[in-house]
Amino acid sequence: AATKSGTGPTTTRVYGYWGQGAQVTVSA
């Protein structure tokens, strides 16, 4: 995700742009 804001970088709502996602699967 990308945001031009430097406030609250751990909060989802500050991000206005998102990638499509990448699946990560870790087997035991």
mmCIF file of all heavy atoms, coordinates in Angstrom:
data_MODEL
# 
_entry.id   MODEL 
# 
loop_
_atom_site.group_PDB 
_atom_site.id 
_atom_site.type_symbol 
_atom_site.label_atom_id 
_atom_site.label_alt_id 
_atom_site.label_comp_id 
_atom_site.label_asym_id 
_atom_site.label_entity_id 
_atom_site.label_seq_id 
_atom_site.pdbx_PDB_ins_code 
_atom_site.Cartn_x 
_atom_site.Cartn_y 
_atom_site.Cartn_z 
_atom_site.occupancy 
_atom_site.B_iso_or_equiv 
_atom_site.pdbx_formal_charge 
_atom_site.auth_seq_id 
_atom_site.auth_comp_id 
_atom_site.auth_asym_id 
_atom_site.auth_atom_id 
_atom_site.pdbx_PDB_model_num 
ATOM 1   N N   . ALA A 1 1  ? 0.832   -1.184  0.000  1.00 0.00 ? 1  ALA A N   1 
ATOM 2   C CA  . ALA A 1 1  ? 0.000   0.000   0.000  1.00 0.00 ? 1  ALA A CA  1 
ATOM 3   C C   . ALA A 1 1  ? 0.873   1.243   0.000  1.00 0.00 ? 1  ALA A C   1 
ATOM 4   O O   . ALA A 1 1  ? 2.024   1.211   0.443  1.00 0.00 ? 1  ALA A O   1 
ATOM 5   C CB  . ALA A 1 1  ? -0.928  0.003   1.220  1.00 0.00 ? 1  ALA A CB  1 
ATOM 6   N N   . ALA A 1 2  ? 0.318   2.317   -0.485 1.00 0.00 ? 2  ALA A N   1 
ATOM 7   C CA  . ALA A 1 2  ? 1.056   3.566   -0.579 1.00 0.00 ? 2  ALA A CA  1 
ATOM 8   C C   . ALA A 1 2  ? 0.239   4.717   -0.032 1.00 0.00 ? 2  ALA A C   1 
ATOM 9   O O   . ALA A 1 2  ? -0.977  4.779   -0.216 1.00 0.00 ? 2  ALA A O   1 
ATOM 10  C CB  . ALA A 1 2  ? 1.446   3.845   -2.029 1.00 0.00 ? 2  ALA A CB  1 
ATOM 11  N N   . THR A 1 3  ? 0.924   5.621   0.634  1.00 0.00 ? 3  THR A N   1 
ATOM 12  C CA  . THR A 1 3  ? 0.284   6.819   1.138  1.00 0.00 ? 3  THR A CA  1 
ATOM 13  C C   . THR A 1 3  ? 1.280   7.961   1.108  1.00 0.00 ? 3  THR A C   1 
ATOM 14  O O   . THR A 1 3  ? 2.482   7.757   1.294  1.00 0.00 ? 3  THR A O   1 
ATOM 15  C CB  . THR A 1 3  ? -0.251  6.631   2.565  1.00 0.00 ? 3  THR A CB  1 
ATOM 16  O OG1 . THR A 1 3  ? -0.842  7.853   3.022  1.00 0.00 ? 3  THR A OG1 1 
ATOM 17  C CG2 . THR A 1 3  ? 0.869   6.259   3.533  1.00 0.00 ? 3  THR A CG2 1 
ATOM 18  N N   . LYS A 1 4  ? 0.783   9.149   0.891  1.00 0.00 ? 4  LYS A N   1 
ATOM 19  C CA  . LYS A 1 4  ? 1.629   10.329  0.964  1.00 0.00 ? 4  LYS A CA  1 
ATOM 20  C C   . LYS A 1 4  ? 1.697   10.876  2.371  1.00 0.00 ? 4  LYS A C   1 
ATOM 21  O O   . LYS A 1 4  ? 2.450   11.808  2.643  1.00 0.00 ? 4  LYS A O   1 
ATOM 22  C CB  . LYS A 1 4  ? 1.116   11.410  0.011  1.00 0.00 ? 4  LYS A CB  1 
ATOM 23  C CG  . LYS A 1 4  ? 1.343   11.093  -1.459 1.00 0.00 ? 4  LYS A CG  1 
ATOM 24  C CD  . LYS A 1 4  ? 0.970   12.271  -2.333 1.00 0.00 ? 4  LYS A CD  1 
ATOM 25  C CE  . LYS A 1 4  ? 1.291   11.980  -3.791 1.00 0.00 ? 4  LYS A CE  1 
ATOM 26  N NZ  . LYS A 1 4  ? 0.961   13.137  -4.658 1.00 0.00 ? 4  LYS A NZ  1 
ATOM 27  N N   . SER A 1 5  ? 0.922   10.302  3.250  1.00 0.00 ? 5  SER A N   1 
ATOM 28  C CA  . SER A 1 5  ? 0.912   10.715  4.641  1.00 0.00 ? 5  SER A CA  1 
ATOM 29  C C   . SER A 1 5  ? 1.966   9.962   5.423  1.00 0.00 ? 5  SER A C   1 
ATOM 30  O O   . SER A 1 5  ? 2.141   8.751   5.251  1.00 0.00 ? 5  SER A O   1 
ATOM 31  C CB  . SER A 1 5  ? -0.457  10.477  5.268  1.00 0.00 ? 5  SER A CB  1 
ATOM 32  O OG  . SER A 1 5  ? -0.435  10.747  6.657  1.00 0.00 ? 5  SER A OG  1 
ATOM 33  N N   . GLY A 1 6  ? 2.648   10.674  6.295  1.00 0.00 ? 6  GLY A N   1 
ATOM 34  C CA  . GLY A 1 6  ? 3.637   10.051  7.150  1.00 0.00 ? 6  GLY A CA  1 
ATOM 35  C C   . GLY A 1 6  ? 3.103   9.778   8.535  1.00 0.00 ? 6  GLY A C   1 
ATOM 36  O O   . GLY A 1 6  ? 3.854   9.367   9.419  1.00 0.00 ? 6  GLY A O   1 
ATOM 37  N N   . THR A 1 7  ? 1.824   9.982   8.706  1.00 0.00 ? 7  THR A N   1 
ATOM 38  C CA  . THR A 1 7  ? 1.181   9.796   9.992  1.00 0.00 ? 7  THR A CA  1 
ATOM 39  C C   . THR A 1 7  ? 0.448   8.470   10.047 1.00 0.00 ? 7  THR A C   1 
ATOM 40  O O   . THR A 1 7  ? -0.366  8.172   9.177  1.00 0.00 ? 7  THR A O   1 
ATOM 41  C CB  . THR A 1 7  ? 0.191   10.930  10.275 1.00 0.00 ? 7  THR A CB  1 
ATOM 42  O OG1 . THR A 1 7  ? 0.873   12.188  10.228 1.00 0.00 ? 7  THR A OG1 1 
ATOM 43  C CG2 . THR A 1 7  ? -0.443  10.768  11.646 1.00 0.00 ? 7  THR A CG2 1 
ATOM 44  N N   . GLY A 1 8  ? 0.732   7.701   11.053 1.00 0.00 ? 8  GLY A N   1 
ATOM 45  C CA  . GLY A 1 8  ? 0.056   6.431   11.260 1.00 0.00 ? 8  GLY A CA  1 
ATOM 46  C C   . GLY A 1 8  ? 0.324   5.388   10.198 1.00 0.00 ? 8  GLY A C   1 
ATOM 47  O O   . GLY A 1 8  ? -0.629  4.834   9.615  1.00 0.00 ? 8  GLY A O   1 
ATOM 48  N N   . PRO A 1 9  ? 1.591   5.098   9.918  1.00 0.00 ? 9  PRO A N   1 
ATOM 49  C CA  . PRO A 1 9  ? 1.906   4.146   8.850  1.00 0.00 ? 9  PRO A CA  1 
ATOM 50  C C   . PRO A 1 9  ? 1.482   2.717   9.129  1.00 0.00 ? 9  PRO A C   1 
ATOM 51  O O   . PRO A 1 9  ? 1.574   1.874   8.230  1.00 0.00 ? 9  PRO A O   1 
ATOM 52  C CB  . PRO A 1 9  ? 3.437   4.256   8.730  1.00 0.00 ? 9  PRO A CB  1 
ATOM 53  C CG  . PRO A 1 9  ? 3.888   4.695   10.084 1.00 0.00 ? 9  PRO A CG  1 
ATOM 54  C CD  . PRO A 1 9  ? 2.820   5.627   10.557 1.00 0.00 ? 9  PRO A CD  1 
ATOM 55  N N   . THR A 1 10 ? 1.056   2.431   10.345 1.00 0.00 ? 10 THR A N   1 
ATOM 56  C CA  . THR A 1 10 ? 0.608   1.087   10.673 1.00 0.00 ? 10 THR A CA  1 
ATOM 57  C C   . THR A 1 10 ? -0.900  0.944   10.569 1.00 0.00 ? 10 THR A C   1 
ATOM 58  O O   . THR A 1 10 ? -1.440  -0.125  10.845 1.00 0.00 ? 10 THR A O   1 
ATOM 59  C CB  . THR A 1 10 ? 1.045   0.691   12.096 1.00 0.00 ? 10 THR A CB  1 
ATOM 60  O OG1 . THR A 1 10 ? 0.388   1.527   13.064 1.00 0.00 ? 10 THR A OG1 1 
ATOM 61  C CG2 . THR A 1 10 ? 2.556   0.859   12.260 1.00 0.00 ? 10 THR A CG2 1 
ATOM 62  N N   . THR A 1 11 ? -1.563  1.988   10.167 1.00 0.00 ? 11 THR A N   1 
ATOM 63  C CA  . THR A 1 11 ? -3.015  2.007   10.093 1.00 0.00 ? 11 THR A CA  1 
ATOM 64  C C   . THR A 1 11 ? -3.482  1.917   8.657  1.00 0.00 ? 11 THR A C   1 
ATOM 65  O O   . THR A 1 11 ? -3.042  2.687   7.806  1.00 0.00 ? 11 THR A O   1 
ATOM 66  C CB  . THR A 1 11 ? -3.575  3.282   10.738 1.00 0.00 ? 11 THR A CB  1 
ATOM 67  O OG1 . THR A 1 11 ? -3.099  3.397   12.079 1.00 0.00 ? 11 THR A OG1 1 
ATOM 68  C CG2 . THR A 1 11 ? -5.092  3.256   10.759 1.00 0.00 ? 11 THR A CG2 1 
ATOM 69  N N   . THR A 1 12 ? -4.371  1.003   8.386  1.00 0.00 ? 12 THR A N   1 
ATOM 70  C CA  . THR A 1 12 ? -4.822  0.768   7.026  1.00 0.00 ? 12 THR A CA  1 
ATOM 71  C C   . THR A 1 12 ? -5.476  1.989   6.402  1.00 0.00 ? 12 THR A C   1 
ATOM 72  O O   . THR A 1 12 ? -5.316  2.237   5.202  1.00 0.00 ? 12 THR A O   1 
ATOM 73  C CB  . THR A 1 12 ? -5.808  -0.409  6.963  1.00 0.00 ? 12 THR A CB  1 
ATOM 74  O OG1 . THR A 1 12 ? -6.949  -0.135  7.789  1.00 0.00 ? 12 THR A OG1 1 
ATOM 75  C CG2 . THR A 1 12 ? -5.136  -1.689  7.445  1.00 0.00 ? 12 THR A CG2 1 
ATOM 76  N N   . ARG A 1 13 ? -6.183  2.750   7.191  1.00 0.00 ? 13 ARG A N   1 
ATOM 77  C CA  . ARG A 1 13 ? -6.983  3.827   6.634  1.00 0.00 ? 13 ARG A CA  1 
ATOM 78  C C   . ARG A 1 13 ? -6.164  4.983   6.085  1.00 0.00 ? 13 ARG A C   1 
ATOM 79  O O   . ARG A 1 13 ? -6.708  5.820   5.357  1.00 0.00 ? 13 ARG A O   1 
ATOM 80  C CB  . ARG A 1 13 ? -7.979  4.347   7.666  1.00 0.00 ? 13 ARG A CB  1 
ATOM 81  C CG  . ARG A 1 13 ? -7.368  5.046   8.866  1.00 0.00 ? 13 ARG A CG  1 
ATOM 82  C CD  . ARG A 1 13 ? -8.463  5.582   9.769  1.00 0.00 ? 13 ARG A CD  1 
ATOM 83  N NE  . ARG A 1 13 ? -7.946  6.295   10.929 1.00 0.00 ? 13 ARG A NE  1 
ATOM 84  C CZ  . ARG A 1 13 ? -8.690  6.958   11.798 1.00 0.00 ? 13 ARG A CZ  1 
ATOM 85  N NH1 . ARG A 1 13 ? -10.005 6.987   11.645 1.00 0.00 ? 13 ARG A NH1 1 
ATOM 86  N NH2 . ARG A 1 13 ? -8.127  7.576   12.823 1.00 0.00 ? 13 ARG A NH2 1 
ATOM 87  N N   . VAL A 1 14 ? -4.905  5.075   6.407  1.00 0.00 ? 14 VAL A N   1 
ATOM 88  C CA  . VAL A 1 14 ? -4.085  6.164   5.883  1.00 0.00 ? 14 VAL A CA  1 
ATOM 89  C C   . VAL A 1 14 ? -3.598  5.874   4.469  1.00 0.00 ? 14 VAL A C   1 
ATOM 90  O O   . VAL A 1 14 ? -3.078  6.770   3.807  1.00 0.00 ? 14 VAL A O   1 
ATOM 91  C CB  . VAL A 1 14 ? -2.881  6.471   6.790  1.00 0.00 ? 14 VAL A CB  1 
ATOM 92  C CG1 . VAL A 1 14 ? -3.326  6.702   8.220  1.00 0.00 ? 14 VAL A CG1 1 
ATOM 93  C CG2 . VAL A 1 14 ? -1.837  5.370   6.731  1.00 0.00 ? 14 VAL A CG2 1 
ATOM 94  N N   . TYR A 1 15 ? -3.762  4.652   4.026  1.00 0.00 ? 15 TYR A N   1 
ATOM 95  C CA  . TYR A 1 15 ? -3.291  4.266   2.699  1.00 0.00 ? 15 TYR A CA  1 
ATOM 96  C C   . TYR A 1 15 ? -4.399  4.387   1.663  1.00 0.00 ? 15 TYR A C   1 
ATOM 97  O O   . TYR A 1 15 ? -5.475  3.813   1.828  1.00 0.00 ? 15 TYR A O   1 
ATOM 98  C CB  . TYR A 1 15 ? -2.734  2.847   2.722  1.00 0.00 ? 15 TYR A CB  1 
ATOM 99  C CG  . TYR A 1 15 ? -1.482  2.724   3.546  1.00 0.00 ? 15 TYR A CG  1 
ATOM 100 C CD1 . TYR A 1 15 ? -1.543  2.410   4.899  1.00 0.00 ? 15 TYR A CD1 1 
ATOM 101 C CD2 . TYR A 1 15 ? -0.236  2.939   2.971  1.00 0.00 ? 15 TYR A CD2 1 
ATOM 102 C CE1 . TYR A 1 15 ? -0.390  2.320   5.657  1.00 0.00 ? 15 TYR A CE1 1 
ATOM 103 C CE2 . TYR A 1 15 ? 0.917   2.846   3.721  1.00 0.00 ? 15 TYR A CE2 1 
ATOM 104 C CZ  . TYR A 1 15 ? 0.840   2.536   5.065  1.00 0.00 ? 15 TYR A CZ  1 
ATOM 105 O OH  . TYR A 1 15 ? 1.992   2.444   5.816  1.00 0.00 ? 15 TYR A OH  1 
ATOM 106 N N   . GLY A 1 16 ? -4.111  5.100   0.610  1.00 0.00 ? 16 GLY A N   1 
ATOM 107 C CA  . GLY A 1 16 ? -5.096  5.308   -0.428 1.00 0.00 ? 16 GLY A CA  1 
ATOM 108 C C   . GLY A 1 16 ? -4.907  4.449   -1.655 1.00 0.00 ? 16 GLY A C   1 
ATOM 109 O O   . GLY A 1 16 ? -5.798  4.370   -2.509 1.00 0.00 ? 16 GLY A O   1 
ATOM 110 N N   . TYR A 1 17 ? -3.771  3.805   -1.751 1.00 0.00 ? 17 TYR A N   1 
ATOM 111 C CA  . TYR A 1 17 ? -3.465  2.994   -2.924 1.00 0.00 ? 17 TYR A CA  1 
ATOM 112 C C   . TYR A 1 17 ? -3.005  1.616   -2.485 1.00 0.00 ? 17 TYR A C   1 
ATOM 113 O O   . TYR A 1 17 ? -2.173  1.489   -1.583 1.00 0.00 ? 17 TYR A O   1 
ATOM 114 C CB  . TYR A 1 17 ? -2.385  3.669   -3.776 1.00 0.00 ? 17 TYR A CB  1 
ATOM 115 C CG  . TYR A 1 17 ? -2.722  5.094   -4.121 1.00 0.00 ? 17 TYR A CG  1 
ATOM 116 C CD1 . TYR A 1 17 ? -2.209  6.141   -3.369 1.00 0.00 ? 17 TYR A CD1 1 
ATOM 117 C CD2 . TYR A 1 17 ? -3.564  5.390   -5.185 1.00 0.00 ? 17 TYR A CD2 1 
ATOM 118 C CE1 . TYR A 1 17 ? -2.525  7.451   -3.667 1.00 0.00 ? 17 TYR A CE1 1 
ATOM 119 C CE2 . TYR A 1 17 ? -3.885  6.701   -5.491 1.00 0.00 ? 17 TYR A CE2 1 
ATOM 120 C CZ  . TYR A 1 17 ? -3.365  7.726   -4.733 1.00 0.00 ? 17 TYR A CZ  1 
ATOM 121 O OH  . TYR A 1 17 ? -3.684  9.032   -5.038 1.00 0.00 ? 17 TYR A OH  1 
ATOM 122 N N   . TRP A 1 18 ? -3.529  0.605   -3.133 1.00 0.00 ? 18 TRP A N   1 
ATOM 123 C CA  . TRP A 1 18 ? -3.268  -0.769  -2.752 1.00 0.00 ? 18 TRP A CA  1 
ATOM 124 C C   . TRP A 1 18 ? -2.920  -1.635  -3.953 1.00 0.00 ? 18 TRP A C   1 
ATOM 125 O O   . TRP A 1 18 ? -3.465  -1.465  -5.035 1.00 0.00 ? 18 TRP A O   1 
ATOM 126 C CB  . TRP A 1 18 ? -4.490  -1.371  -2.055 1.00 0.00 ? 18 TRP A CB  1 
ATOM 127 C CG  . TRP A 1 18 ? -4.796  -0.727  -0.741 1.00 0.00 ? 18 TRP A CG  1 
ATOM 128 C CD1 . TRP A 1 18 ? -5.510  0.420   -0.540 1.00 0.00 ? 18 TRP A CD1 1 
ATOM 129 C CD2 . TRP A 1 18 ? -4.388  -1.188  0.543  1.00 0.00 ? 18 TRP A CD2 1 
ATOM 130 N NE1 . TRP A 1 18 ? -5.574  0.696   0.813  1.00 0.00 ? 18 TRP A NE1 1 
ATOM 131 C CE2 . TRP A 1 18 ? -4.897  -0.273  1.490  1.00 0.00 ? 18 TRP A CE2 1 
ATOM 132 C CE3 . TRP A 1 18 ? -3.651  -2.286  0.984  1.00 0.00 ? 18 TRP A CE3 1 
ATOM 133 C CZ2 . TRP A 1 18 ? -4.684  -0.437  2.858  1.00 0.00 ? 18 TRP A CZ2 1 
ATOM 134 C CZ3 . TRP A 1 18 ? -3.441  -2.442  2.342  1.00 0.00 ? 18 TRP A CZ3 1 
ATOM 135 C CH2 . TRP A 1 18 ? -3.957  -1.523  3.260  1.00 0.00 ? 18 TRP A CH2 1 
ATOM 136 N N   . GLY A 1 19 ? -2.018  -2.571  -3.729 1.00 0.00 ? 19 GLY A N   1 
ATOM 137 C CA  . GLY A 1 19 ? -1.720  -3.569  -4.728 1.00 0.00 ? 19 GLY A CA  1 
ATOM 138 C C   . GLY A 1 19 ? -2.795  -4.630  -4.736 1.00 0.00 ? 19 GLY A C   1 
ATOM 139 O O   . GLY A 1 19 ? -3.725  -4.611  -3.931 1.00 0.00 ? 19 GLY A O   1 
ATOM 140 N N   . GLN A 1 20 ? -2.664  -5.572  -5.643 1.00 0.00 ? 20 GLN A N   1 
ATOM 141 C CA  . GLN A 1 20 ? -3.676  -6.609  -5.794 1.00 0.00 ? 20 GLN A CA  1 
ATOM 142 C C   . GLN A 1 20 ? -3.499  -7.767  -4.822 1.00 0.00 ? 20 GLN A C   1 
ATOM 143 O O   . GLN A 1 20 ? -4.412  -8.580  -4.660 1.00 0.00 ? 20 GLN A O   1 
ATOM 144 C CB  . GLN A 1 20 ? -3.673  -7.145  -7.226 1.00 0.00 ? 20 GLN A CB  1 
ATOM 145 C CG  . GLN A 1 20 ? -4.093  -6.106  -8.251 1.00 0.00 ? 20 GLN A CG  1 
ATOM 146 C CD  . GLN A 1 20 ? -5.491  -5.601  -7.997 1.00 0.00 ? 20 GLN A CD  1 
ATOM 147 O OE1 . GLN A 1 20 ? -6.436  -6.383  -7.873 1.00 0.00 ? 20 GLN A OE1 1 
ATOM 148 N NE2 . GLN A 1 20 ? -5.647  -4.279  -7.912 1.00 0.00 ? 20 GLN A NE2 1 
ATOM 149 N N   . GLY A 1 21 ? -2.366  -7.840  -4.192 1.00 0.00 ? 21 GLY A N   1 
ATOM 150 C CA  . GLY A 1 21 ? -2.124  -8.883  -3.218 1.00 0.00 ? 21 GLY A CA  1 
ATOM 151 C C   . GLY A 1 21 ? -1.323  -10.041 -3.780 1.00 0.00 ? 21 GLY A C   1 
ATOM 152 O O   . GLY A 1 21 ? -1.396  -10.350 -4.965 1.00 0.00 ? 21 GLY A O   1 
ATOM 153 N N   . ALA A 1 22 ? -0.567  -10.655 -2.924 1.00 0.00 ? 22 ALA A N   1 
ATOM 154 C CA  . ALA A 1 22 ? 0.222   -11.827 -3.276 1.00 0.00 ? 22 ALA A CA  1 
ATOM 155 C C   . ALA A 1 22 ? 0.001   -12.896 -2.218 1.00 0.00 ? 22 ALA A C   1 
ATOM 156 O O   . ALA A 1 22 ? 0.141   -12.630 -1.027 1.00 0.00 ? 22 ALA A O   1 
ATOM 157 C CB  . ALA A 1 22 ? 1.707   -11.478 -3.375 1.00 0.00 ? 22 ALA A CB  1 
ATOM 158 N N   . GLN A 1 23 ? -0.327  -14.080 -2.661 1.00 0.00 ? 23 GLN A N   1 
ATOM 159 C CA  . GLN A 1 23 ? -0.592  -15.170 -1.735 1.00 0.00 ? 23 GLN A CA  1 
ATOM 160 C C   . GLN A 1 23 ? 0.701   -15.773 -1.231 1.00 0.00 ? 23 GLN A C   1 
ATOM 161 O O   . GLN A 1 23 ? 1.580   -16.140 -2.015 1.00 0.00 ? 23 GLN A O   1 
ATOM 162 C CB  . GLN A 1 23 ? -1.434  -16.254 -2.408 1.00 0.00 ? 23 GLN A CB  1 
ATOM 163 C CG  . GLN A 1 23 ? -1.715  -17.468 -1.522 1.00 0.00 ? 23 GLN A CG  1 
ATOM 164 C CD  . GLN A 1 23 ? -2.625  -17.128 -0.359 1.00 0.00 ? 23 GLN A CD  1 
ATOM 165 O OE1 . GLN A 1 23 ? -3.709  -16.577 -0.557 1.00 0.00 ? 23 GLN A OE1 1 
ATOM 166 N NE2 . GLN A 1 23 ? -2.189  -17.454 0.864  1.00 0.00 ? 23 GLN A NE2 1 
ATOM 167 N N   . VAL A 1 24 ? 0.807   -15.868 0.066  1.00 0.00 ? 24 VAL A N   1 
ATOM 168 C CA  . VAL A 1 24 ? 1.929   -16.520 0.711  1.00 0.00 ? 24 VAL A CA  1 
ATOM 169 C C   . VAL A 1 24 ? 1.379   -17.665 1.538  1.00 0.00 ? 24 VAL A C   1 
ATOM 170 O O   . VAL A 1 24 ? 0.529   -17.461 2.405  1.00 0.00 ? 24 VAL A O   1 
ATOM 171 C CB  . VAL A 1 24 ? 2.721   -15.556 1.611  1.00 0.00 ? 24 VAL A CB  1 
ATOM 172 C CG1 . VAL A 1 24 ? 3.776   -16.314 2.419  1.00 0.00 ? 24 VAL A CG1 1 
ATOM 173 C CG2 . VAL A 1 24 ? 3.370   -14.469 0.772  1.00 0.00 ? 24 VAL A CG2 1 
ATOM 174 N N   . THR A 1 25 ? 1.850   -18.850 1.254  1.00 0.00 ? 25 THR A N   1 
ATOM 175 C CA  . THR A 1 25 ? 1.414   -20.022 1.987  1.00 0.00 ? 25 THR A CA  1 
ATOM 176 C C   . THR A 1 25 ? 2.632   -20.726 2.563  1.00 0.00 ? 25 THR A C   1 
ATOM 177 O O   . THR A 1 25 ? 3.561   -21.071 1.832  1.00 0.00 ? 25 THR A O   1 
ATOM 178 C CB  . THR A 1 25 ? 0.639   -20.993 1.089  1.00 0.00 ? 25 THR A CB  1 
ATOM 179 O OG1 . THR A 1 25 ? -0.488  -20.326 0.512  1.00 0.00 ? 25 THR A OG1 1 
ATOM 180 C CG2 . THR A 1 25 ? 0.145   -22.185 1.898  1.00 0.00 ? 25 THR A CG2 1 
ATOM 181 N N   . VAL A 1 26 ? 2.606   -20.910 3.853  1.00 0.00 ? 26 VAL A N   1 
ATOM 182 C CA  . VAL A 1 26 ? 3.711   -21.555 4.548  1.00 0.00 ? 26 VAL A CA  1 
ATOM 183 C C   . VAL A 1 26 ? 3.211   -22.862 5.122  1.00 0.00 ? 26 VAL A C   1 
ATOM 184 O O   . VAL A 1 26 ? 2.299   -22.881 5.954  1.00 0.00 ? 26 VAL A O   1 
ATOM 185 C CB  . VAL A 1 26 ? 4.275   -20.670 5.667  1.00 0.00 ? 26 VAL A CB  1 
ATOM 186 C CG1 . VAL A 1 26 ? 5.489   -21.330 6.306  1.00 0.00 ? 26 VAL A CG1 1 
ATOM 187 C CG2 . VAL A 1 26 ? 4.632   -19.296 5.130  1.00 0.00 ? 26 VAL A CG2 1 
ATOM 188 N N   . SER A 1 27 ? 3.785   -23.943 4.680  1.00 0.00 ? 27 SER A N   1 
ATOM 189 C CA  . SER A 1 27 ? 3.382   -25.250 5.152  1.00 0.00 ? 27 SER A CA  1 
ATOM 190 C C   . SER A 1 27 ? 4.193   -25.652 6.367  1.00 0.00 ? 27 SER A C   1 
ATOM 191 O O   . SER A 1 27 ? 5.360   -25.271 6.518  1.00 0.00 ? 27 SER A O   1 
ATOM 192 C CB  . SER A 1 27 ? 3.540   -26.296 4.049  1.00 0.00 ? 27 SER A CB  1 
ATOM 193 O OG  . SER A 1 27 ? 4.897   -26.417 3.652  1.00 0.00 ? 27 SER A OG  1 
ATOM 194 N N   . ALA A 1 28 ? 3.583   -26.435 7.220  1.00 0.00 ? 28 ALA A N   1 
ATOM 195 C CA  . ALA A 1 28 ? 4.243   -26.886 8.426  1.00 0.00 ? 28 ALA A CA  1 
ATOM 196 C C   . ALA A 1 28 ? 5.320   -27.914 8.120  1.00 0.00 ? 28 ALA A C   1 
ATOM 197 O O   . ALA A 1 28 ? 5.264   -28.622 7.115  1.00 0.00 ? 28 ALA A O   1 
ATOM 198 C CB  . ALA A 1 28 ? 3.235   -27.467 9.407  1.00 0.00 ? 28 ALA A CB  1 
# 
